[in-house]
Amino acid sequence: MLSNNIKDKIRSADQKLNVLVGYDANNIKNNFDNLFKNGSVEVGYRSSCGSTHSTMKTYREFYKILKLIRKEGFEISEENITHGNAYATNNGGFWNSIIFKLIK
């Protein structure tokens, strides 16, 4: 399914992000497992909160690897989700998410 190069990049990204959150979250691996097992995954992140939130860092790493997967020939659509948070959270950020769907 996925090349060893991409699997290595997923492991590397998770190792870097796990240090950031302080435990073995393995968010990148879990997101791609859900995408390929269930056909879709929703990835969310907090933006505009003064400093880069850990969820935004996870989203950025996920998206970098998604680009590589698309280069291998996988077709994946994106659907932005509108959340009812027209105001900032306590930390000043807005929650965003995107549903990624595996087409082929």
N, C-alpha and C. Protein backbone atom coordinates (compact mmCIF):
# COMPACT_ATOMS: atom_id res chain seq x y z
N MET A 1 0.83 -1.18 0.00
CA MET A 1 0.00 0.00 0.00
C MET A 1 0.89 1.26 0.00
N LEU A 2 1.42 1.64 1.16
CA LEU A 2 2.32 2.80 1.22
C LEU A 2 3.77 2.34 1.11
N SER A 3 4.60 3.15 0.47
CA SER A 3 6.01 2.81 0.34
C SER A 3 6.69 2.88 1.71
N ASN A 4 7.82 2.19 1.81
CA ASN A 4 8.58 2.23 3.06
C ASN A 4 9.09 3.63 3.36
N ASN A 5 9.37 4.40 2.32
CA ASN A 5 9.82 5.79 2.50
C ASN A 5 8.76 6.61 3.24
N ILE A 6 7.51 6.46 2.83
CA ILE A 6 6.43 7.21 3.48
C ILE A 6 6.19 6.69 4.90
N LYS A 7 6.25 5.38 5.08
CA LYS A 7 6.09 4.83 6.43
C LYS A 7 7.18 5.37 7.36
N ASP A 8 8.40 5.49 6.85
CA ASP A 8 9.50 6.05 7.65
C ASP A 8 9.24 7.51 7.99
N LYS A 9 8.71 8.26 7.03
CA LYS A 9 8.40 9.67 7.29
C LYS A 9 7.29 9.81 8.33
N ILE A 10 6.31 8.92 8.30
CA ILE A 10 5.24 8.94 9.30
C ILE A 10 5.81 8.66 10.68
N ARG A 11 6.68 7.63 10.79
CA ARG A 11 7.31 7.31 12.08
C ARG A 11 8.14 8.48 12.59
N SER A 12 8.91 9.09 11.69
CA SER A 12 9.76 10.22 12.07
C SER A 12 8.94 11.41 12.55
N ALA A 13 7.86 11.71 11.84
CA ALA A 13 6.99 12.84 12.23
C ALA A 13 6.36 12.57 13.58
N ASP A 14 5.90 11.34 13.80
CA ASP A 14 5.29 11.01 15.09
C ASP A 14 6.30 11.10 16.23
N GLN A 15 7.52 10.65 16.00
CA GLN A 15 8.54 10.74 17.04
C GLN A 15 8.78 12.19 17.45
N LYS A 16 8.86 13.06 16.44
CA LYS A 16 9.07 14.49 16.71
C LYS A 16 7.89 15.09 17.47
N LEU A 17 6.67 14.75 17.05
CA LEU A 17 5.47 15.31 17.67
C LEU A 17 5.22 14.71 19.05
N ASN A 18 5.57 13.44 19.26
CA ASN A 18 5.39 12.81 20.56
C ASN A 18 6.24 13.52 21.63
N VAL A 19 7.41 13.97 21.26
CA VAL A 19 8.25 14.73 22.19
C VAL A 19 7.55 16.04 22.56
N LEU A 20 6.92 16.64 21.60
CA LEU A 20 6.21 17.91 21.82
C LEU A 20 5.07 17.76 22.82
N VAL A 21 4.27 16.70 22.68
CA VAL A 21 3.12 16.53 23.57
C VAL A 21 3.46 15.78 24.85
N GLY A 22 4.59 15.10 24.88
CA GLY A 22 5.04 14.45 26.10
C GLY A 22 4.58 13.01 26.28
N TYR A 23 3.98 12.41 25.28
CA TYR A 23 3.57 11.01 25.35
C TYR A 23 3.45 10.46 23.93
N ASP A 24 3.29 9.16 23.80
CA ASP A 24 3.22 8.53 22.48
C ASP A 24 1.82 8.65 21.89
N ALA A 25 1.52 9.81 21.34
CA ALA A 25 0.21 10.05 20.74
C ALA A 25 0.10 9.38 19.37
N ASN A 26 1.20 9.40 18.61
CA ASN A 26 1.24 8.82 17.26
C ASN A 26 0.07 9.28 16.41
N ASN A 27 -0.21 10.58 16.45
CA ASN A 27 -1.36 11.14 15.73
C ASN A 27 -1.27 10.96 14.21
N ILE A 28 -0.08 11.11 13.65
CA ILE A 28 0.06 10.99 12.20
C ILE A 28 -0.28 9.57 11.76
N LYS A 29 0.32 8.58 12.42
CA LYS A 29 0.06 7.18 12.09
C LYS A 29 -1.42 6.86 12.27
N ASN A 30 -2.01 7.29 13.37
CA ASN A 30 -3.42 7.02 13.62
C ASN A 30 -4.32 7.64 12.55
N ASN A 31 -3.99 8.88 12.15
CA ASN A 31 -4.79 9.55 11.12
C ASN A 31 -4.72 8.80 9.79
N PHE A 32 -3.51 8.39 9.38
CA PHE A 32 -3.40 7.67 8.11
C PHE A 32 -3.99 6.27 8.21
N ASP A 33 -3.88 5.62 9.37
CA ASP A 33 -4.53 4.32 9.55
C ASP A 33 -6.04 4.46 9.35
N ASN A 34 -6.63 5.49 9.94
CA ASN A 34 -8.07 5.73 9.78
C ASN A 34 -8.43 6.03 8.34
N LEU A 35 -7.61 6.83 7.68
CA LEU A 35 -7.88 7.18 6.28
C LEU A 35 -7.93 5.93 5.40
N PHE A 36 -6.94 5.05 5.56
CA PHE A 36 -6.88 3.87 4.69
C PHE A 36 -7.80 2.75 5.14
N LYS A 37 -8.12 2.69 6.43
CA LYS A 37 -9.02 1.64 6.92
C LYS A 37 -10.48 2.01 6.71
N ASN A 38 -10.83 3.27 7.03
CA ASN A 38 -12.23 3.71 6.99
C ASN A 38 -12.59 4.51 5.74
N GLY A 39 -11.58 4.93 4.99
CA GLY A 39 -11.85 5.71 3.78
C GLY A 39 -11.89 7.20 4.01
N SER A 40 -11.88 7.63 5.28
CA SER A 40 -11.86 9.06 5.56
C SER A 40 -11.34 9.30 6.97
N VAL A 41 -10.89 10.53 7.20
CA VAL A 41 -10.42 10.94 8.52
C VAL A 41 -10.63 12.45 8.65
N GLU A 42 -11.02 12.90 9.83
CA GLU A 42 -11.15 14.33 10.10
C GLU A 42 -9.95 14.76 10.93
N VAL A 43 -9.24 15.75 10.42
CA VAL A 43 -8.06 16.27 11.11
C VAL A 43 -8.36 17.71 11.50
N GLY A 44 -8.26 17.99 12.79
CA GLY A 44 -8.56 19.32 13.29
C GLY A 44 -7.35 19.99 13.90
N TYR A 45 -7.43 21.31 14.00
CA TYR A 45 -6.32 22.08 14.56
C TYR A 45 -6.83 23.44 15.04
N ARG A 46 -6.10 23.98 16.00
CA ARG A 46 -6.41 25.32 16.49
C ARG A 46 -5.47 26.30 15.80
N SER A 47 -6.03 27.33 15.22
CA SER A 47 -5.21 28.33 14.53
C SER A 47 -5.36 29.69 15.19
N SER A 48 -4.43 30.56 14.93
CA SER A 48 -4.46 31.96 15.38
C SER A 48 -4.53 32.10 16.90
N CYS A 49 -3.75 31.35 17.64
CA CYS A 49 -3.83 31.49 19.09
C CYS A 49 -2.58 32.14 19.68
N GLY A 50 -1.95 33.03 18.95
CA GLY A 50 -0.80 33.75 19.46
C GLY A 50 0.51 33.03 19.20
N SER A 51 0.56 31.74 19.46
CA SER A 51 1.73 30.93 19.13
C SER A 51 1.21 29.67 18.42
N THR A 52 2.11 28.96 17.79
CA THR A 52 1.69 27.79 17.04
C THR A 52 1.27 26.68 18.00
N HIS A 53 0.03 26.31 17.95
CA HIS A 53 -0.53 25.28 18.82
C HIS A 53 -0.05 23.90 18.35
N SER A 54 0.06 22.96 19.28
CA SER A 54 0.56 21.62 18.93
C SER A 54 -0.33 20.93 17.90
N THR A 55 -1.64 21.22 17.91
CA THR A 55 -2.53 20.60 16.92
C THR A 55 -2.24 21.13 15.51
N MET A 56 -1.81 22.38 15.41
CA MET A 56 -1.43 22.95 14.12
C MET A 56 -0.14 22.29 13.61
N LYS A 57 0.80 22.04 14.52
CA LYS A 57 2.04 21.36 14.13
C LYS A 57 1.74 19.96 13.63
N THR A 58 0.83 19.27 14.29
CA THR A 58 0.43 17.93 13.86
C THR A 58 -0.22 17.99 12.49
N TYR A 59 -1.12 18.95 12.27
CA TYR A 59 -1.78 19.10 10.97
C TYR A 59 -0.75 19.37 9.86
N ARG A 60 0.21 20.23 10.14
CA ARG A 60 1.22 20.55 9.11
C ARG A 60 2.03 19.31 8.72
N GLU A 61 2.42 18.51 9.72
CA GLU A 61 3.16 17.28 9.42
C GLU A 61 2.29 16.29 8.65
N PHE A 62 1.03 16.17 9.05
CA PHE A 62 0.09 15.30 8.34
C PHE A 62 0.01 15.73 6.88
N TYR A 63 -0.11 17.03 6.64
CA TYR A 63 -0.31 17.52 5.28
C TYR A 63 0.94 17.32 4.42
N LYS A 64 2.13 17.45 5.01
CA LYS A 64 3.37 17.19 4.26
C LYS A 64 3.39 15.75 3.74
N ILE A 65 3.02 14.83 4.60
CA ILE A 65 3.03 13.43 4.21
C ILE A 65 1.89 13.14 3.23
N LEU A 66 0.77 13.80 3.40
CA LEU A 66 -0.34 13.65 2.46
C LEU A 66 0.09 14.02 1.04
N LYS A 67 0.88 15.06 0.91
CA LYS A 67 1.39 15.45 -0.41
C LYS A 67 2.21 14.33 -1.04
N LEU A 68 3.05 13.67 -0.21
CA LEU A 68 3.87 12.57 -0.72
C LEU A 68 3.00 11.39 -1.14
N ILE A 69 1.96 11.13 -0.37
CA ILE A 69 1.05 10.03 -0.70
C ILE A 69 0.33 10.31 -2.02
N ARG A 70 -0.04 11.56 -2.22
CA ARG A 70 -0.69 11.93 -3.50
C ARG A 70 0.27 11.74 -4.66
N LYS A 71 1.55 12.02 -4.45
CA LYS A 71 2.55 11.82 -5.51
C LYS A 71 2.69 10.35 -5.88
N GLU A 72 2.36 9.46 -4.94
CA GLU A 72 2.41 8.02 -5.23
C GLU A 72 1.17 7.55 -5.98
N GLY A 73 0.23 8.46 -6.26
CA GLY A 73 -0.92 8.12 -7.08
C GLY A 73 -2.25 8.01 -6.35
N PHE A 74 -2.26 8.23 -5.05
CA PHE A 74 -3.52 8.17 -4.31
C PHE A 74 -4.29 9.46 -4.51
N GLU A 75 -5.59 9.33 -4.71
CA GLU A 75 -6.46 10.49 -4.84
C GLU A 75 -7.20 10.68 -3.53
N ILE A 76 -7.04 11.87 -2.94
CA ILE A 76 -7.65 12.16 -1.65
C ILE A 76 -8.30 13.53 -1.73
N SER A 77 -9.59 13.56 -1.42
CA SER A 77 -10.32 14.84 -1.46
C SER A 77 -10.28 15.50 -0.08
N GLU A 78 -10.56 16.79 -0.06
CA GLU A 78 -10.58 17.57 1.18
C GLU A 78 -11.90 18.32 1.28
N GLU A 79 -12.49 18.30 2.47
CA GLU A 79 -13.73 19.04 2.71
C GLU A 79 -13.56 19.83 4.01
N ASN A 80 -13.54 21.16 3.88
CA ASN A 80 -13.44 22.00 5.07
C ASN A 80 -14.74 21.94 5.86
N ILE A 81 -14.61 21.84 7.17
CA ILE A 81 -15.76 21.77 8.05
C ILE A 81 -15.92 23.12 8.75
N THR A 82 -17.14 23.64 8.73
CA THR A 82 -17.43 24.89 9.41
C THR A 82 -17.88 24.58 10.83
N HIS A 83 -17.19 25.17 11.78
CA HIS A 83 -17.53 24.97 13.19
C HIS A 83 -18.21 26.24 13.71
N GLY A 84 -19.08 26.08 14.65
CA GLY A 84 -19.82 27.22 15.19
C GLY A 84 -19.03 28.02 16.21
N ASN A 85 -17.77 28.24 15.94
CA ASN A 85 -16.95 29.02 16.87
C ASN A 85 -16.48 30.31 16.19
N ALA A 86 -17.40 31.20 15.97
CA ALA A 86 -17.08 32.46 15.32
C ALA A 86 -16.30 33.39 16.25
N TYR A 87 -16.07 32.95 17.46
CA TYR A 87 -15.30 33.73 18.43
C TYR A 87 -14.07 32.91 18.82
N ALA A 88 -13.09 33.58 19.33
CA ALA A 88 -11.86 32.90 19.71
C ALA A 88 -12.06 32.08 20.98
N THR A 89 -11.29 31.00 21.11
CA THR A 89 -11.31 30.20 22.34
C THR A 89 -10.60 30.96 23.44
N ASN A 90 -10.54 30.39 24.63
CA ASN A 90 -9.88 31.06 25.76
C ASN A 90 -8.43 31.43 25.46
N ASN A 91 -7.76 30.63 24.65
CA ASN A 91 -6.37 30.91 24.29
C ASN A 91 -6.27 31.78 23.04
N GLY A 92 -7.38 32.23 22.51
CA GLY A 92 -7.35 33.13 21.37
C GLY A 92 -7.32 32.43 20.03
N GLY A 93 -7.59 31.13 19.95
CA GLY A 93 -7.52 30.43 18.69
C GLY A 93 -8.88 29.96 18.22
N PHE A 94 -8.98 29.68 16.95
CA PHE A 94 -10.20 29.17 16.34
C PHE A 94 -9.99 27.71 15.96
N TRP A 95 -11.00 26.87 16.16
CA TRP A 95 -10.89 25.46 15.80
C TRP A 95 -11.30 25.28 14.35
N ASN A 96 -10.49 24.57 13.60
CA ASN A 96 -10.74 24.24 12.19
C ASN A 96 -10.56 22.75 12.01
N SER A 97 -11.24 22.19 11.04
CA SER A 97 -10.97 20.80 10.69
C SER A 97 -11.32 20.55 9.24
N ILE A 98 -10.70 19.50 8.72
CA ILE A 98 -10.87 19.10 7.34
C ILE A 98 -11.11 17.60 7.32
N ILE A 99 -12.07 17.16 6.51
CA ILE A 99 -12.29 15.74 6.32
C ILE A 99 -11.56 15.35 5.02
N PHE A 100 -10.68 14.39 5.14
CA PHE A 100 -9.94 13.85 4.01
C PHE A 100 -10.58 12.53 3.64
N LYS A 101 -10.90 12.34 2.33
CA LYS A 101 -11.54 11.11 1.88
C LYS A 101 -10.67 10.46 0.79
N LEU A 102 -10.47 9.18 0.96
CA LEU A 102 -9.70 8.42 0.00
C LEU A 102 -10.60 8.09 -1.19
N ILE A 103 -10.20 8.54 -2.37
CA ILE A 103 -10.99 8.28 -3.57
C ILE A 103 -10.48 7.04 -4.28
N LYS A 104 -9.17 6.95 -4.42
CA LYS A 104 -8.56 5.72 -5.00
C LYS A 104 -7.14 5.60 -4.57
